[in-house]
Each structure stands twice: as structure tokens, then as C-alpha cells.
């Protein structure tokens, strides 16, 4: 395992050394696609009775466009999906909670080197769907009324082309999601993912 880590770091250094110089953002307009994992940091919670269960990790997917803002800033408009496997008394065995939503965020890119740190924060909406067990043990499809929260985090842009970068990152998300027949659900989670950013 240690030798694999060493090879990874040497490969990353070599990739960065052979890459061309980068801009702060990838261009006047950029497309980004990301994939990784959604990692809950708490169980399902609410201020009232009605939720009982544990969230586990699942897949995460994002795509979006970055538009220029003054200086090293960019405005991100995007779409994302977070999946959480669900266990315990709440969910049907093997069931997932699927949160689908939109992003409006501000991204700060620091520096113009081949490896540039970035910070991002903004609004992320949630449309949460899942199959829960009723009092009699029956399976009921459940969908939220909507919901909104925030995501904030950072990572690095690693230039691999004139306007193309790899972008590993880590973000923290929190939200309160209302349901029509249950109390609001509190979401707390991390997203660890890797992105490909292409500028135009």
C-alpha cells in the first residue's frame, strides 16, 4: 500500500511538471463534471419524532458551468446528485436515499501555477426521495417537498492541458429538508470527488 502511494505521488509530480502554465480559471467559460462519494457525518435527525435510521455512504455526481467574475473568482451554476444507502428501522433493506438538486456557488482559484488551490461555497438544493417502512411494515415511497442547504469546501486544480485540469476536492454539506407527512430531516454529509474541468 505504501509503495502504491509513493508511485501515485511521483506520478502526480510528473504530471504537474509536464503540464503547461495555467490561468486562475480555465477560461472565460468552463465545463466541469465530477464523480465521487457522499459520506454522511450523522444519522437521520430531526427536531421531532418520526425518523429512525442510519445513513451510509453512496455515490455522488455533479456537473456545471463556471462563468467569470472579477479577479480569481468564478460563478458556478450546476446540477448534482447525492446518494446515501439507508439501514436500520427506517428503510427497506438495500434501499437508497437519493437527493437531486441544483448549485449556485462562488469559486475562488488561488494563483496561476500548474497546481492551484480552490475554495468553493454556495447554495445546494435538495429533492430527497426514498422508500421507508410504515408502522405496519409496508414500503412507502417518500419524497420531500424540496429543501435547500449549503455546501462549502476546497481542493486543487491540476493543469493537464492548456485549458484542462483535474480537480480533486472535498466539501461539507448541510441542509434541512421538509417532508409533507413527516418532520423536517437534517442532512449533514461530506462529498469526496474528482472532477475534470475544461475551459473554452
N, C-alpha and C. Protein backbone atom coordinates (compact mmCIF):
# COMPACT_ATOMS: atom_id res chain seq x y z
N UNK A 1 0.83 -1.20 0.00
CA UNK A 1 0.00 0.00 0.00
C UNK A 1 0.87 1.26 0.00
N UNK A 2 1.96 1.24 0.80
CA UNK A 2 2.83 2.40 0.85
C UNK A 2 3.50 2.64 -0.51
N UNK A 3 3.92 1.55 -1.18
CA UNK A 3 4.57 1.71 -2.48
C UNK A 3 3.60 2.28 -3.51
N UNK A 4 2.33 1.92 -3.42
CA UNK A 4 1.33 2.48 -4.33
C UNK A 4 1.17 3.97 -4.10
N UNK A 5 1.19 4.39 -2.83
CA UNK A 5 1.09 5.82 -2.52
C UNK A 5 2.28 6.58 -3.07
N UNK A 6 3.47 6.00 -2.91
CA UNK A 6 4.68 6.65 -3.42
C UNK A 6 4.61 6.80 -4.93
N UNK A 7 4.19 5.74 -5.63
CA UNK A 7 4.04 5.81 -7.09
C UNK A 7 3.02 6.86 -7.49
N UNK A 8 1.92 6.94 -6.74
CA UNK A 8 0.89 7.95 -7.04
C UNK A 8 1.46 9.36 -6.93
N UNK A 9 2.21 9.63 -5.84
CA UNK A 9 2.77 10.97 -5.63
C UNK A 9 3.80 11.32 -6.70
N UNK A 10 4.65 10.33 -7.06
CA UNK A 10 5.63 10.60 -8.12
C UNK A 10 4.93 10.86 -9.46
N UNK A 11 3.87 10.09 -9.73
CA UNK A 11 3.12 10.30 -10.96
C UNK A 11 2.46 11.66 -10.99
N UNK A 12 1.93 12.09 -9.85
CA UNK A 12 1.27 13.40 -9.76
C UNK A 12 2.28 14.52 -9.97
N UNK A 13 3.46 14.39 -9.37
CA UNK A 13 4.50 15.39 -9.55
C UNK A 13 4.94 15.45 -11.01
N UNK A 14 5.10 14.28 -11.64
CA UNK A 14 5.49 14.25 -13.04
C UNK A 14 4.45 14.85 -13.94
N UNK A 15 3.19 14.58 -13.64
CA UNK A 15 2.08 15.14 -14.43
C UNK A 15 2.08 16.65 -14.32
N UNK A 16 2.26 17.16 -13.11
CA UNK A 16 2.26 18.61 -12.91
C UNK A 16 3.47 19.26 -13.58
N UNK A 17 4.61 18.61 -13.52
CA UNK A 17 5.82 19.19 -14.09
C UNK A 17 5.73 19.27 -15.61
N UNK A 18 5.04 18.31 -16.22
CA UNK A 18 4.93 18.29 -17.67
C UNK A 18 3.77 19.07 -18.21
N UNK A 19 2.94 19.62 -17.35
CA UNK A 19 1.75 20.35 -17.79
C UNK A 19 2.11 21.78 -18.12
N UNK A 20 1.34 22.42 -19.00
CA UNK A 20 1.62 23.80 -19.35
C UNK A 20 1.19 24.75 -18.24
N UNK A 21 1.67 26.02 -18.26
CA UNK A 21 1.22 27.00 -17.28
C UNK A 21 -0.28 27.20 -17.35
N UNK A 22 -0.89 27.56 -16.23
CA UNK A 22 -2.35 27.65 -16.16
C UNK A 22 -2.81 29.06 -15.85
N UNK A 23 -4.06 29.34 -16.20
CA UNK A 23 -4.71 30.56 -15.76
C UNK A 23 -5.34 30.30 -14.40
N UNK A 24 -5.85 31.36 -13.77
CA UNK A 24 -6.55 31.16 -12.50
C UNK A 24 -7.79 30.31 -12.74
N UNK A 25 -8.70 30.80 -13.59
CA UNK A 25 -9.80 29.97 -14.07
C UNK A 25 -9.37 29.41 -15.43
N UNK A 26 -10.09 28.43 -15.95
CA UNK A 26 -9.66 27.76 -17.17
C UNK A 26 -9.94 28.56 -18.43
N UNK A 27 -10.72 29.61 -18.33
CA UNK A 27 -11.06 30.42 -19.48
C UNK A 27 -12.26 31.28 -19.15
N UNK A 28 -12.77 31.96 -20.17
CA UNK A 28 -13.94 32.80 -19.95
C UNK A 28 -15.17 31.98 -19.58
N UNK A 29 -15.13 30.68 -19.91
CA UNK A 29 -16.28 29.81 -19.70
C UNK A 29 -15.72 28.41 -19.53
N UNK A 30 -16.21 27.65 -18.54
CA UNK A 30 -15.66 26.31 -18.30
C UNK A 30 -16.78 25.33 -17.97
N UNK A 31 -16.58 24.09 -18.40
CA UNK A 31 -17.50 23.00 -18.08
C UNK A 31 -16.79 22.05 -17.13
N UNK A 32 -17.54 21.58 -16.12
CA UNK A 32 -16.95 20.71 -15.10
C UNK A 32 -17.86 19.52 -14.86
N UNK A 33 -17.26 18.33 -14.77
CA UNK A 33 -18.00 17.12 -14.41
C UNK A 33 -17.24 16.43 -13.29
N UNK A 34 -17.97 15.97 -12.25
CA UNK A 34 -17.35 15.42 -11.06
C UNK A 34 -18.03 14.11 -10.66
N UNK A 35 -17.27 13.19 -10.10
CA UNK A 35 -17.81 11.95 -9.58
C UNK A 35 -17.05 11.53 -8.34
N UNK A 36 -17.76 10.93 -7.38
CA UNK A 36 -17.10 10.50 -6.15
C UNK A 36 -18.07 9.86 -5.19
N UNK A 37 -17.92 10.19 -3.91
CA UNK A 37 -18.71 9.53 -2.87
C UNK A 37 -19.35 10.57 -1.95
N UNK A 38 -20.58 10.27 -1.52
CA UNK A 38 -21.29 11.04 -0.50
C UNK A 38 -21.09 10.31 0.83
N UNK A 39 -20.60 11.01 1.83
CA UNK A 39 -20.23 10.40 3.10
C UNK A 39 -20.98 11.08 4.24
N UNK A 40 -22.05 10.49 4.75
CA UNK A 40 -22.80 11.15 5.84
C UNK A 40 -21.96 11.27 7.10
N UNK A 41 -22.17 12.35 7.83
CA UNK A 41 -21.45 12.56 9.08
C UNK A 41 -22.39 12.48 10.28
N UNK A 42 -23.65 12.13 10.05
CA UNK A 42 -24.59 11.90 11.15
C UNK A 42 -25.72 11.02 10.64
N UNK A 43 -26.50 10.47 11.55
CA UNK A 43 -27.67 9.69 11.17
C UNK A 43 -28.80 10.63 10.78
N UNK A 44 -29.90 10.06 10.29
CA UNK A 44 -31.09 10.88 10.05
C UNK A 44 -31.50 11.52 11.37
N UNK A 45 -31.75 12.83 11.31
CA UNK A 45 -32.15 13.51 12.54
C UNK A 45 -33.20 14.56 12.24
N UNK A 46 -34.01 14.84 13.21
CA UNK A 46 -34.99 15.92 13.11
C UNK A 46 -35.27 16.43 14.52
N UNK A 47 -35.99 17.53 14.59
CA UNK A 47 -36.32 18.09 15.90
C UNK A 47 -37.48 17.38 16.56
N UNK A 48 -38.13 16.47 15.85
CA UNK A 48 -39.29 15.76 16.39
C UNK A 48 -39.14 14.26 16.16
N UNK A 49 -40.12 13.50 16.62
CA UNK A 49 -40.13 12.07 16.35
C UNK A 49 -40.44 11.85 14.88
N UNK A 50 -40.14 10.66 14.38
CA UNK A 50 -40.56 10.34 13.03
C UNK A 50 -39.47 9.84 12.11
N UNK A 51 -38.20 10.00 12.50
CA UNK A 51 -37.10 9.47 11.70
C UNK A 51 -36.26 8.56 12.58
N UNK A 52 -35.98 7.39 12.09
CA UNK A 52 -35.10 6.46 12.81
C UNK A 52 -34.35 5.65 11.77
N UNK A 53 -33.06 5.81 11.71
CA UNK A 53 -32.29 5.07 10.72
C UNK A 53 -30.89 5.61 10.62
N UNK A 54 -30.09 4.92 9.88
CA UNK A 54 -28.70 5.31 9.71
C UNK A 54 -28.41 5.48 8.22
N UNK A 55 -27.68 6.55 7.88
CA UNK A 55 -27.22 6.75 6.52
C UNK A 55 -25.83 6.15 6.38
N UNK A 56 -25.57 5.60 5.20
CA UNK A 56 -24.24 5.10 4.85
C UNK A 56 -23.81 5.78 3.56
N UNK A 57 -22.55 5.57 3.20
CA UNK A 57 -22.00 6.22 2.02
C UNK A 57 -22.69 5.76 0.73
N UNK A 58 -22.62 6.61 -0.28
CA UNK A 58 -23.16 6.31 -1.60
C UNK A 58 -22.43 7.13 -2.65
N UNK A 59 -22.90 7.07 -3.87
CA UNK A 59 -22.23 7.75 -4.98
C UNK A 59 -22.65 9.22 -5.03
N UNK A 60 -21.79 10.03 -5.62
CA UNK A 60 -22.07 11.44 -5.83
C UNK A 60 -21.70 11.80 -7.27
N UNK A 61 -22.52 12.67 -7.88
CA UNK A 61 -22.28 13.10 -9.25
C UNK A 61 -22.64 14.58 -9.39
N UNK A 62 -21.81 15.34 -10.09
CA UNK A 62 -22.06 16.77 -10.31
C UNK A 62 -21.62 17.16 -11.72
N UNK A 63 -22.29 18.14 -12.27
CA UNK A 63 -21.85 18.77 -13.50
C UNK A 63 -22.29 20.23 -13.47
N UNK A 64 -21.54 21.09 -14.14
CA UNK A 64 -21.91 22.50 -14.11
C UNK A 64 -21.02 23.35 -14.99
N UNK A 65 -21.34 24.62 -15.03
CA UNK A 65 -20.62 25.60 -15.83
C UNK A 65 -20.13 26.72 -14.93
N UNK A 66 -18.90 27.17 -15.18
CA UNK A 66 -18.33 28.29 -14.44
C UNK A 66 -18.22 29.50 -15.35
N UNK A 67 -18.74 30.62 -14.89
CA UNK A 67 -18.69 31.87 -15.62
C UNK A 67 -17.74 32.83 -14.89
N UNK A 68 -17.06 33.71 -15.61
CA UNK A 68 -16.07 34.57 -14.96
C UNK A 68 -16.72 35.61 -14.06
N UNK A 69 -16.01 35.92 -13.00
CA UNK A 69 -16.35 37.03 -12.10
C UNK A 69 -15.06 37.83 -11.92
N UNK A 70 -15.10 38.97 -11.27
CA UNK A 70 -13.88 39.78 -11.12
C UNK A 70 -12.74 39.01 -10.47
N UNK A 71 -11.52 39.23 -10.98
CA UNK A 71 -10.33 38.65 -10.39
C UNK A 71 -10.30 37.14 -10.51
N UNK A 72 -9.89 36.45 -9.43
CA UNK A 72 -9.74 34.99 -9.48
C UNK A 72 -11.04 34.24 -9.18
N UNK A 73 -12.18 34.93 -9.21
CA UNK A 73 -13.45 34.30 -8.85
C UNK A 73 -14.18 33.79 -10.09
N UNK A 74 -14.99 32.77 -9.88
CA UNK A 74 -15.88 32.26 -10.90
C UNK A 74 -17.23 31.96 -10.27
N UNK A 75 -18.30 32.09 -11.05
CA UNK A 75 -19.65 31.78 -10.59
C UNK A 75 -20.05 30.44 -11.19
N UNK A 76 -20.38 29.48 -10.34
CA UNK A 76 -20.72 28.13 -10.78
C UNK A 76 -22.22 27.92 -10.74
N UNK A 77 -22.78 27.46 -11.84
CA UNK A 77 -24.17 27.02 -11.92
C UNK A 77 -24.15 25.55 -12.30
N UNK A 78 -24.78 24.71 -11.47
CA UNK A 78 -24.65 23.28 -11.72
C UNK A 78 -25.82 22.46 -11.23
N UNK A 79 -25.68 21.16 -11.43
CA UNK A 79 -26.66 20.15 -11.06
C UNK A 79 -25.91 19.03 -10.36
N UNK A 80 -26.51 18.46 -9.32
CA UNK A 80 -25.83 17.39 -8.61
C UNK A 80 -26.78 16.37 -8.01
N UNK A 81 -26.23 15.20 -7.74
CA UNK A 81 -27.00 14.14 -7.09
C UNK A 81 -26.14 13.49 -6.01
N UNK A 82 -26.75 13.33 -4.82
CA UNK A 82 -26.11 12.65 -3.70
C UNK A 82 -26.93 11.40 -3.37
N UNK A 83 -26.26 10.28 -3.23
CA UNK A 83 -26.94 9.03 -2.85
C UNK A 83 -26.41 8.57 -1.50
N UNK A 84 -27.33 8.08 -0.66
CA UNK A 84 -26.98 7.55 0.63
C UNK A 84 -27.69 6.22 0.82
N UNK A 85 -26.94 5.17 1.11
CA UNK A 85 -27.59 3.91 1.45
C UNK A 85 -28.19 4.05 2.84
N UNK A 86 -29.29 3.36 3.07
CA UNK A 86 -30.04 3.54 4.31
C UNK A 86 -30.21 2.20 5.02
N UNK A 87 -29.95 2.20 6.31
CA UNK A 87 -30.08 0.98 7.11
C UNK A 87 -30.89 1.28 8.37
N UNK A 88 -31.21 0.22 9.10
CA UNK A 88 -31.92 0.40 10.36
C UNK A 88 -33.41 0.22 10.22
N UNK A 89 -34.18 0.85 11.12
CA UNK A 89 -35.62 0.66 11.17
C UNK A 89 -36.37 1.48 10.12
N UNK A 90 -35.68 2.39 9.46
CA UNK A 90 -36.37 3.34 8.60
C UNK A 90 -36.62 2.83 7.19
N UNK A 91 -35.61 2.20 6.58
CA UNK A 91 -35.65 1.95 5.14
C UNK A 91 -35.82 0.48 4.81
N UNK A 92 -36.33 0.26 3.60
CA UNK A 92 -36.35 -1.08 3.03
C UNK A 92 -34.91 -1.54 2.85
N UNK A 93 -34.63 -2.81 3.13
CA UNK A 93 -33.26 -3.31 3.04
C UNK A 93 -32.70 -3.09 1.64
N UNK A 94 -31.51 -2.53 1.58
CA UNK A 94 -30.88 -2.25 0.29
C UNK A 94 -31.36 -0.98 -0.37
N UNK A 95 -32.22 -0.21 0.29
CA UNK A 95 -32.75 1.00 -0.30
C UNK A 95 -31.79 2.16 -0.21
N UNK A 96 -31.96 3.12 -1.09
CA UNK A 96 -31.14 4.33 -1.10
C UNK A 96 -32.01 5.56 -0.91
N UNK A 97 -31.42 6.58 -0.30
CA UNK A 97 -31.97 7.92 -0.36
C UNK A 97 -31.25 8.65 -1.49
N UNK A 98 -31.99 9.29 -2.36
CA UNK A 98 -31.42 9.99 -3.50
C UNK A 98 -31.80 11.46 -3.39
N UNK A 99 -30.79 12.31 -3.30
CA UNK A 99 -31.01 13.75 -3.25
C UNK A 99 -30.56 14.36 -4.58
N UNK A 100 -31.47 15.03 -5.27
CA UNK A 100 -31.18 15.67 -6.54
C UNK A 100 -31.38 17.17 -6.39
N UNK A 101 -30.45 17.96 -6.89
CA UNK A 101 -30.60 19.40 -6.70
C UNK A 101 -29.71 20.22 -7.61
N UNK A 102 -29.78 21.52 -7.40
CA UNK A 102 -29.04 22.48 -8.21
C UNK A 102 -28.07 23.27 -7.32
N UNK A 103 -27.01 23.77 -7.95
CA UNK A 103 -25.98 24.53 -7.25
C UNK A 103 -25.86 25.93 -7.81
N UNK A 104 -25.71 26.89 -6.93
CA UNK A 104 -25.27 28.25 -7.28
C UNK A 104 -24.15 28.56 -6.30
N UNK A 105 -22.93 28.70 -6.80
CA UNK A 105 -21.78 28.82 -5.90
C UNK A 105 -20.77 29.80 -6.45
N UNK A 106 -19.90 30.25 -5.56
CA UNK A 106 -18.78 31.12 -5.92
C UNK A 106 -17.50 30.33 -5.69
N UNK A 107 -16.63 30.33 -6.71
CA UNK A 107 -15.37 29.59 -6.61
C UNK A 107 -14.20 30.55 -6.70
N UNK A 108 -13.27 30.43 -5.76
CA UNK A 108 -12.05 31.22 -5.73
C UNK A 108 -10.88 30.31 -6.10
N UNK A 109 -10.12 30.68 -7.12
CA UNK A 109 -8.92 29.95 -7.51
C UNK A 109 -7.71 30.81 -7.14
N UNK A 110 -6.75 30.21 -6.44
CA UNK A 110 -5.61 30.94 -5.91
C UNK A 110 -4.37 30.64 -6.75
N UNK A 111 -3.79 31.69 -7.34
CA UNK A 111 -2.55 31.54 -8.09
C UNK A 111 -2.77 31.20 -9.55
N UNK A 112 -1.67 31.11 -10.28
CA UNK A 112 -1.71 30.79 -11.71
C UNK A 112 -0.70 29.69 -12.06
N UNK A 113 -0.29 28.91 -11.08
CA UNK A 113 0.66 27.83 -11.32
C UNK A 113 -0.07 26.61 -11.87
N UNK A 114 0.67 25.54 -12.09
CA UNK A 114 0.06 24.32 -12.64
C UNK A 114 -0.80 23.60 -11.61
N UNK A 115 -0.52 23.82 -10.34
CA UNK A 115 -1.35 23.28 -9.25
C UNK A 115 -1.89 24.46 -8.46
N UNK A 116 -3.20 24.69 -8.55
CA UNK A 116 -3.82 25.87 -7.94
C UNK A 116 -4.89 25.45 -6.93
N UNK A 117 -4.78 25.87 -5.69
CA UNK A 117 -5.85 25.60 -4.72
C UNK A 117 -7.13 26.35 -5.11
N UNK A 118 -8.26 25.75 -4.77
CA UNK A 118 -9.55 26.43 -4.96
C UNK A 118 -10.41 26.25 -3.72
N UNK A 119 -11.27 27.24 -3.51
CA UNK A 119 -12.28 27.21 -2.46
C UNK A 119 -13.62 27.49 -3.10
N UNK A 120 -14.65 26.80 -2.64
CA UNK A 120 -15.98 26.97 -3.23
C UNK A 120 -17.04 26.92 -2.15
N UNK A 121 -18.04 27.77 -2.26
CA UNK A 121 -19.15 27.75 -1.32
C UNK A 121 -20.40 28.31 -1.96
N UNK A 122 -21.56 27.76 -1.60
CA UNK A 122 -22.79 28.27 -2.15
C UNK A 122 -24.00 27.43 -1.80
N UNK A 123 -25.09 27.74 -2.46
CA UNK A 123 -26.39 27.10 -2.22
C UNK A 123 -26.49 25.78 -2.96
N UNK A 124 -27.03 24.75 -2.30
CA UNK A 124 -27.32 23.47 -2.94
C UNK A 124 -28.73 23.05 -2.53
N UNK A 125 -29.61 22.86 -3.50
CA UNK A 125 -30.98 22.45 -3.20
C UNK A 125 -31.08 20.93 -3.11
N UNK A 126 -32.12 20.44 -2.42
CA UNK A 126 -32.30 19.00 -2.23
C UNK A 126 -33.75 18.61 -2.54
N UNK A 127 -33.89 17.61 -3.39
CA UNK A 127 -35.17 16.93 -3.60
C UNK A 127 -34.90 15.49 -3.21
N UNK A 128 -35.29 15.11 -2.00
CA UNK A 128 -34.89 13.84 -1.41
C UNK A 128 -35.98 12.79 -1.59
N UNK A 129 -35.59 11.62 -2.11
CA UNK A 129 -36.54 10.53 -2.36
C UNK A 129 -36.01 9.24 -1.76
N UNK A 130 -36.92 8.45 -1.21
CA UNK A 130 -36.55 7.15 -0.66
C UNK A 130 -37.76 6.30 -0.39
N UNK A 131 -37.54 5.05 -0.03
CA UNK A 131 -38.62 4.12 0.31
C UNK A 131 -38.48 3.76 1.78
N UNK A 132 -39.47 4.14 2.58
CA UNK A 132 -39.40 3.92 4.01
C UNK A 132 -40.44 2.89 4.43
N UNK A 133 -40.22 2.29 5.60
CA UNK A 133 -41.15 1.30 6.14
C UNK A 133 -42.17 1.99 7.03
N UNK A 134 -43.46 1.68 6.82
CA UNK A 134 -44.52 2.23 7.65
C UNK A 134 -44.65 1.48 8.96
N UNK A 135 -45.60 1.91 9.79
CA UNK A 135 -45.79 1.29 11.10
C UNK A 135 -46.14 -0.18 11.00
N UNK A 136 -46.82 -0.56 9.92
CA UNK A 136 -47.22 -1.96 9.74
C UNK A 136 -46.20 -2.75 8.93
N UNK A 137 -45.06 -2.14 8.64
CA UNK A 137 -44.02 -2.83 7.90
C UNK A 137 -44.14 -2.70 6.40
N UNK A 138 -45.13 -1.93 5.91
CA UNK A 138 -45.29 -1.77 4.47
C UNK A 138 -44.28 -0.75 3.93
N UNK A 139 -43.93 -0.90 2.64
CA UNK A 139 -42.98 0.00 2.00
C UNK A 139 -43.73 1.18 1.38
N UNK A 140 -43.29 2.38 1.71
CA UNK A 140 -43.92 3.59 1.20
C UNK A 140 -42.88 4.48 0.52
N UNK A 141 -43.17 4.85 -0.72
CA UNK A 141 -42.30 5.81 -1.40
C UNK A 141 -42.50 7.19 -0.77
N UNK A 142 -41.41 7.83 -0.44
CA UNK A 142 -41.46 9.12 0.26
C UNK A 142 -40.62 10.13 -0.50
N UNK A 143 -41.17 11.31 -0.70
CA UNK A 143 -40.48 12.38 -1.42
C UNK A 143 -40.62 13.67 -0.65
N UNK A 144 -39.55 14.43 -0.57
CA UNK A 144 -39.58 15.68 0.17
C UNK A 144 -40.30 16.76 -0.62
N UNK A 145 -40.67 17.84 0.08
CA UNK A 145 -41.27 19.00 -0.57
C UNK A 145 -40.23 19.85 -1.28
N UNK A 146 -39.00 19.54 -1.14
CA UNK A 146 -37.90 20.35 -1.64
C UNK A 146 -36.89 20.48 -0.53
N UNK A 147 -36.28 21.59 -0.42
CA UNK A 147 -35.31 21.81 0.64
C UNK A 147 -34.06 22.45 0.08
N UNK A 148 -33.36 23.15 0.92
CA UNK A 148 -32.15 23.83 0.49
C UNK A 148 -31.13 23.84 1.62
N UNK A 149 -29.89 23.90 1.23
CA UNK A 149 -28.81 23.97 2.20
C UNK A 149 -27.59 24.57 1.55
N UNK A 150 -26.45 24.29 2.14
CA UNK A 150 -25.20 24.88 1.66
C UNK A 150 -24.15 23.80 1.53
N UNK A 151 -23.22 24.02 0.62
CA UNK A 151 -22.02 23.20 0.52
C UNK A 151 -20.82 24.14 0.44
N UNK A 152 -19.74 23.76 1.12
CA UNK A 152 -18.51 24.55 1.10
C UNK A 152 -17.33 23.61 1.21
N UNK A 153 -16.27 23.94 0.50
CA UNK A 153 -15.09 23.08 0.56
C UNK A 153 -13.99 23.60 -0.31
N UNK A 154 -13.04 22.73 -0.62
CA UNK A 154 -11.90 23.13 -1.42
C UNK A 154 -11.21 21.94 -2.04
N UNK A 155 -10.16 22.25 -2.77
CA UNK A 155 -9.39 21.24 -3.46
C UNK A 155 -8.28 21.89 -4.25
N UNK A 156 -7.83 21.22 -5.29
CA UNK A 156 -6.79 21.77 -6.16
C UNK A 156 -7.17 21.55 -7.61
N UNK A 157 -6.71 22.44 -8.47
CA UNK A 157 -6.77 22.28 -9.91
C UNK A 157 -5.37 21.88 -10.39
N UNK A 158 -5.28 20.79 -11.12
CA UNK A 158 -4.01 20.29 -11.62
C UNK A 158 -4.06 20.37 -13.14
N UNK A 159 -3.31 21.30 -13.73
CA UNK A 159 -3.36 21.52 -15.17
C UNK A 159 -2.79 20.32 -15.91
N UNK A 160 -3.57 19.78 -16.87
CA UNK A 160 -3.09 18.69 -17.72
C UNK A 160 -3.16 19.08 -19.19
N UNK A 161 -3.56 20.29 -19.47
CA UNK A 161 -3.64 20.82 -20.82
C UNK A 161 -3.71 22.33 -20.75
N UNK A 162 -3.78 22.97 -21.91
CA UNK A 162 -3.80 24.43 -21.93
C UNK A 162 -4.97 24.99 -21.14
N UNK A 163 -6.15 24.39 -21.28
CA UNK A 163 -7.33 24.82 -20.53
C UNK A 163 -8.08 23.63 -19.95
N UNK A 164 -7.35 22.62 -19.53
CA UNK A 164 -7.96 21.42 -18.97
C UNK A 164 -7.26 21.07 -17.67
N UNK A 165 -8.05 20.77 -16.64
CA UNK A 165 -7.49 20.46 -15.33
C UNK A 165 -8.23 19.31 -14.67
N UNK A 166 -7.49 18.51 -13.90
CA UNK A 166 -8.10 17.58 -12.96
C UNK A 166 -8.33 18.33 -11.66
N UNK A 167 -9.40 17.96 -10.94
CA UNK A 167 -9.77 18.76 -9.77
C UNK A 167 -10.28 17.87 -8.63
N UNK A 168 -9.36 17.26 -7.83
CA UNK A 168 -9.82 16.57 -6.63
C UNK A 168 -10.32 17.57 -5.60
N UNK A 169 -11.33 17.17 -4.81
CA UNK A 169 -11.87 18.10 -3.83
C UNK A 169 -12.62 17.41 -2.71
N UNK A 170 -12.89 18.17 -1.67
CA UNK A 170 -13.64 17.71 -0.51
C UNK A 170 -14.56 18.83 -0.06
N UNK A 171 -15.86 18.52 0.12
CA UNK A 171 -16.83 19.55 0.51
C UNK A 171 -17.70 19.03 1.66
N UNK A 172 -18.18 19.97 2.46
CA UNK A 172 -19.11 19.66 3.54
C UNK A 172 -20.46 20.26 3.19
N UNK A 173 -21.53 19.49 3.40
CA UNK A 173 -22.87 19.97 3.10
C UNK A 173 -23.81 19.84 4.29
N UNK A 174 -24.73 20.79 4.42
CA UNK A 174 -25.74 20.72 5.47
C UNK A 174 -27.04 21.31 4.93
N UNK A 175 -28.16 20.72 5.38
CA UNK A 175 -29.47 21.16 4.89
C UNK A 175 -30.56 20.71 5.83
N UNK A 176 -31.69 21.40 5.75
CA UNK A 176 -32.93 20.99 6.41
C UNK A 176 -33.93 20.71 5.29
N UNK A 177 -34.43 19.49 5.24
CA UNK A 177 -35.29 19.06 4.13
C UNK A 177 -36.70 18.78 4.65
N UNK A 178 -37.72 19.53 4.20
CA UNK A 178 -39.09 19.32 4.68
C UNK A 178 -39.80 18.19 3.94
N UNK A 179 -40.65 17.45 4.66
CA UNK A 179 -41.47 16.39 4.08
C UNK A 179 -42.94 16.70 4.37
N UNK A 180 -43.85 16.29 3.46
CA UNK A 180 -45.26 16.62 3.66
C UNK A 180 -45.91 15.90 4.84
N UNK A 181 -45.47 14.69 5.17
CA UNK A 181 -46.14 13.90 6.21
C UNK A 181 -45.23 13.57 7.39
N UNK A 182 -44.00 14.09 7.39
CA UNK A 182 -43.08 13.83 8.48
C UNK A 182 -42.39 15.13 8.87
N UNK A 183 -41.67 15.09 9.97
CA UNK A 183 -40.91 16.27 10.38
C UNK A 183 -39.73 16.48 9.43
N UNK A 184 -39.18 17.69 9.47
CA UNK A 184 -38.04 18.01 8.62
C UNK A 184 -36.87 17.07 8.92
N UNK A 185 -36.08 16.81 7.88
CA UNK A 185 -34.92 15.92 8.02
C UNK A 185 -33.65 16.75 7.95
N UNK A 186 -32.74 16.51 8.86
CA UNK A 186 -31.47 17.23 8.88
C UNK A 186 -30.41 16.39 8.19
N UNK A 187 -29.79 16.96 7.16
CA UNK A 187 -28.70 16.29 6.44
C UNK A 187 -27.37 16.93 6.80
N UNK A 188 -26.39 16.09 7.10
CA UNK A 188 -25.02 16.53 7.30
C UNK A 188 -24.13 15.50 6.61
N UNK A 189 -23.27 15.94 5.67
CA UNK A 189 -22.52 14.98 4.87
C UNK A 189 -21.26 15.63 4.30
N UNK A 190 -20.34 14.76 3.85
CA UNK A 190 -19.16 15.18 3.11
C UNK A 190 -19.27 14.61 1.69
N UNK A 191 -18.66 15.31 0.74
CA UNK A 191 -18.53 14.82 -0.63
C UNK A 191 -17.04 14.81 -0.97
N UNK A 192 -16.52 13.63 -1.28
CA UNK A 192 -15.13 13.49 -1.73
C UNK A 192 -15.17 13.05 -3.19
N UNK A 193 -14.60 13.85 -4.09
CA UNK A 193 -14.76 13.53 -5.50
C UNK A 193 -13.58 14.04 -6.33
N UNK A 194 -13.63 13.67 -7.61
CA UNK A 194 -12.63 14.09 -8.59
C UNK A 194 -13.34 14.67 -9.78
N UNK A 195 -12.87 15.82 -10.25
CA UNK A 195 -13.51 16.49 -11.37
C UNK A 195 -12.58 16.65 -12.56
N UNK A 196 -13.19 16.83 -13.72
CA UNK A 196 -12.49 17.22 -14.94
C UNK A 196 -13.05 18.56 -15.37
N UNK A 197 -12.19 19.57 -15.49
CA UNK A 197 -12.61 20.93 -15.83
C UNK A 197 -12.03 21.30 -17.18
N UNK A 198 -12.89 21.71 -18.11
CA UNK A 198 -12.46 22.06 -19.47
C UNK A 198 -12.89 23.50 -19.75
N UNK A 199 -11.94 24.35 -20.10
CA UNK A 199 -12.24 25.74 -20.38
C UNK A 199 -12.44 26.00 -21.87
N UNK A 200 -13.15 27.08 -22.17
CA UNK A 200 -13.43 27.47 -23.55
C UNK A 200 -13.07 28.93 -23.77
